[in-house]
Amino acid sequence: MGGELVEFGGEAGHVHLLFEIPPTVKLSDLVKNLKSVTARRMRRELAAEIGSPTSGIGLMP
């Protein structure tokens, strides 16, 4: 896709990202890819907690 993460920061619940991307890259494609990778990684890292009845988060059958 091309591009570079220039700066990042944030607080609990949100992040700030500054990317430098070529003009040929659609912003919507960058956001879609970023959200997809982030969701996949969070599911993988939090898999035990997501299925735990004590976590308050459950998956509907």
N, C-alpha and C. Protein backbone atom coordinates (compact mmCIF):
# COMPACT_ATOMS: atom_id res chain seq x y z
N MET A 1 0.84 -1.18 0.00
CA MET A 1 0.00 0.00 0.00
C MET A 1 0.88 1.24 0.00
N GLY A 2 1.99 1.20 0.70
CA GLY A 2 2.87 2.36 0.75
C GLY A 2 2.46 3.33 1.83
N GLY A 3 3.39 4.09 2.30
CA GLY A 3 3.11 5.08 3.33
C GLY A 3 3.93 4.83 4.57
N GLU A 4 3.81 5.74 5.50
CA GLU A 4 4.62 5.67 6.71
C GLU A 4 3.84 6.28 7.88
N LEU A 5 3.91 5.61 9.03
CA LEU A 5 3.36 6.17 10.25
C LEU A 5 4.37 7.18 10.78
N VAL A 6 3.97 8.44 10.83
CA VAL A 6 4.86 9.52 11.22
C VAL A 6 4.83 9.74 12.73
N GLU A 7 3.63 9.70 13.30
CA GLU A 7 3.48 10.01 14.72
C GLU A 7 2.22 9.33 15.25
N PHE A 8 2.25 8.93 16.51
CA PHE A 8 1.05 8.38 17.13
C PHE A 8 1.00 8.76 18.59
N GLY A 9 -0.21 8.73 19.14
CA GLY A 9 -0.44 9.04 20.54
C GLY A 9 -1.89 8.78 20.84
N GLY A 10 -2.32 9.12 22.02
CA GLY A 10 -3.72 8.94 22.37
C GLY A 10 -3.92 8.82 23.85
N GLU A 11 -5.14 8.47 24.19
CA GLU A 11 -5.55 8.29 25.58
C GLU A 11 -6.42 7.05 25.64
N ALA A 12 -6.89 6.73 26.81
CA ALA A 12 -7.77 5.57 26.96
C ALA A 12 -8.99 5.75 26.05
N GLY A 13 -9.24 4.76 25.23
CA GLY A 13 -10.43 4.79 24.40
C GLY A 13 -10.25 5.34 23.00
N HIS A 14 -9.13 5.98 22.70
CA HIS A 14 -8.91 6.46 21.34
C HIS A 14 -7.43 6.70 21.07
N VAL A 15 -7.10 6.76 19.80
CA VAL A 15 -5.72 7.01 19.40
C VAL A 15 -5.68 8.12 18.35
N HIS A 16 -4.51 8.70 18.21
CA HIS A 16 -4.24 9.69 17.16
C HIS A 16 -3.11 9.13 16.32
N LEU A 17 -3.31 9.07 15.00
CA LEU A 17 -2.31 8.56 14.09
C LEU A 17 -2.07 9.58 12.99
N LEU A 18 -0.80 9.82 12.68
CA LEU A 18 -0.45 10.71 11.58
C LEU A 18 0.32 9.88 10.57
N PHE A 19 -0.28 9.69 9.38
CA PHE A 19 0.32 8.92 8.31
C PHE A 19 0.76 9.84 7.19
N GLU A 20 1.82 9.44 6.52
CA GLU A 20 2.21 10.07 5.28
C GLU A 20 2.03 9.02 4.19
N ILE A 21 1.11 9.27 3.28
CA ILE A 21 0.80 8.30 2.23
C ILE A 21 0.87 8.97 0.86
N PRO A 22 1.20 8.19 -0.15
CA PRO A 22 1.21 8.77 -1.50
C PRO A 22 -0.20 9.13 -1.95
N PRO A 23 -0.32 10.06 -2.87
CA PRO A 23 -1.65 10.50 -3.32
C PRO A 23 -2.44 9.40 -4.04
N THR A 24 -1.77 8.32 -4.41
CA THR A 24 -2.46 7.23 -5.11
C THR A 24 -3.21 6.32 -4.14
N VAL A 25 -2.94 6.43 -2.84
CA VAL A 25 -3.60 5.59 -1.83
C VAL A 25 -4.88 6.28 -1.38
N LYS A 26 -5.98 5.57 -1.47
CA LYS A 26 -7.26 6.11 -1.01
C LYS A 26 -7.29 6.08 0.52
N LEU A 27 -7.69 7.18 1.13
CA LEU A 27 -7.78 7.24 2.58
C LEU A 27 -8.74 6.18 3.10
N SER A 28 -9.83 5.94 2.39
CA SER A 28 -10.81 4.94 2.82
C SER A 28 -10.20 3.54 2.84
N ASP A 29 -9.31 3.23 1.90
CA ASP A 29 -8.63 1.92 1.89
C ASP A 29 -7.67 1.80 3.08
N LEU A 30 -6.95 2.87 3.38
CA LEU A 30 -6.05 2.86 4.52
C LEU A 30 -6.81 2.61 5.82
N VAL A 31 -7.91 3.32 6.01
CA VAL A 31 -8.71 3.17 7.22
C VAL A 31 -9.30 1.76 7.30
N LYS A 32 -9.81 1.24 6.19
CA LYS A 32 -10.38 -0.11 6.16
C LYS A 32 -9.33 -1.14 6.56
N ASN A 33 -8.13 -1.04 6.00
CA ASN A 33 -7.06 -1.98 6.33
C ASN A 33 -6.62 -1.85 7.78
N LEU A 34 -6.50 -0.64 8.26
CA LEU A 34 -6.09 -0.41 9.64
C LEU A 34 -7.10 -0.99 10.62
N LYS A 35 -8.39 -0.77 10.36
CA LYS A 35 -9.43 -1.30 11.24
C LYS A 35 -9.47 -2.83 11.20
N SER A 36 -9.28 -3.40 10.04
CA SER A 36 -9.30 -4.85 9.89
C SER A 36 -8.16 -5.50 10.67
N VAL A 37 -6.96 -4.98 10.49
CA VAL A 37 -5.79 -5.54 11.18
C VAL A 37 -5.92 -5.35 12.69
N THR A 38 -6.39 -4.18 13.11
CA THR A 38 -6.55 -3.90 14.54
C THR A 38 -7.57 -4.83 15.18
N ALA A 39 -8.71 -5.02 14.53
CA ALA A 39 -9.75 -5.90 15.07
C ALA A 39 -9.26 -7.34 15.17
N ARG A 40 -8.57 -7.80 14.13
CA ARG A 40 -8.04 -9.17 14.13
C ARG A 40 -7.05 -9.37 15.27
N ARG A 41 -6.17 -8.40 15.45
CA ARG A 41 -5.16 -8.51 16.52
C ARG A 41 -5.80 -8.47 17.91
N MET A 42 -6.78 -7.59 18.09
CA MET A 42 -7.45 -7.50 19.39
C MET A 42 -8.19 -8.79 19.71
N ARG A 43 -8.88 -9.37 18.71
CA ARG A 43 -9.58 -10.64 18.94
C ARG A 43 -8.59 -11.72 19.34
N ARG A 44 -7.44 -11.76 18.66
CA ARG A 44 -6.43 -12.78 18.97
C ARG A 44 -5.87 -12.58 20.39
N GLU A 45 -5.53 -11.35 20.74
CA GLU A 45 -4.92 -11.08 22.05
C GLU A 45 -5.91 -11.18 23.20
N LEU A 46 -7.19 -10.92 22.94
CA LEU A 46 -8.19 -10.91 24.00
C LEU A 46 -9.13 -12.12 23.94
N ALA A 47 -8.78 -13.14 23.17
CA ALA A 47 -9.66 -14.29 22.96
C ALA A 47 -10.11 -14.92 24.28
N ALA A 48 -9.21 -15.08 25.22
CA ALA A 48 -9.57 -15.71 26.49
C ALA A 48 -10.56 -14.86 27.27
N GLU A 49 -10.38 -13.56 27.26
CA GLU A 49 -11.27 -12.66 28.00
C GLU A 49 -12.63 -12.54 27.33
N ILE A 50 -12.67 -12.54 26.02
CA ILE A 50 -13.94 -12.37 25.31
C ILE A 50 -14.89 -13.53 25.61
N GLY A 51 -14.36 -14.72 25.73
CA GLY A 51 -15.20 -15.88 25.99
C GLY A 51 -15.44 -16.14 27.48
N SER A 52 -14.81 -15.37 28.34
CA SER A 52 -14.92 -15.59 29.78
C SER A 52 -16.21 -15.03 30.33
N PRO A 53 -16.97 -15.82 31.09
CA PRO A 53 -18.22 -15.31 31.66
C PRO A 53 -18.00 -14.19 32.68
N THR A 54 -16.81 -14.10 33.27
CA THR A 54 -16.56 -13.07 34.28
C THR A 54 -16.12 -11.76 33.64
N SER A 55 -15.85 -11.75 32.35
CA SER A 55 -15.37 -10.54 31.71
C SER A 55 -16.49 -9.53 31.44
N GLY A 56 -17.74 -10.02 31.46
CA GLY A 56 -18.84 -9.14 31.13
C GLY A 56 -19.06 -9.02 29.64
N ILE A 57 -18.19 -9.67 28.88
CA ILE A 57 -18.30 -9.65 27.42
C ILE A 57 -18.50 -11.10 26.99
N GLY A 58 -19.51 -11.34 26.23
CA GLY A 58 -19.75 -12.70 25.75
C GLY A 58 -20.15 -12.71 24.29
N LEU A 59 -19.95 -13.82 23.67
CA LEU A 59 -20.35 -13.97 22.28
C LEU A 59 -21.68 -14.71 22.23
N MET A 60 -22.57 -14.21 21.43
CA MET A 60 -23.88 -14.86 21.29
C MET A 60 -23.71 -16.13 20.46
N PRO A 61 -24.36 -17.22 20.85
CA PRO A 61 -24.23 -18.47 20.07
C PRO A 61 -24.94 -18.37 18.76
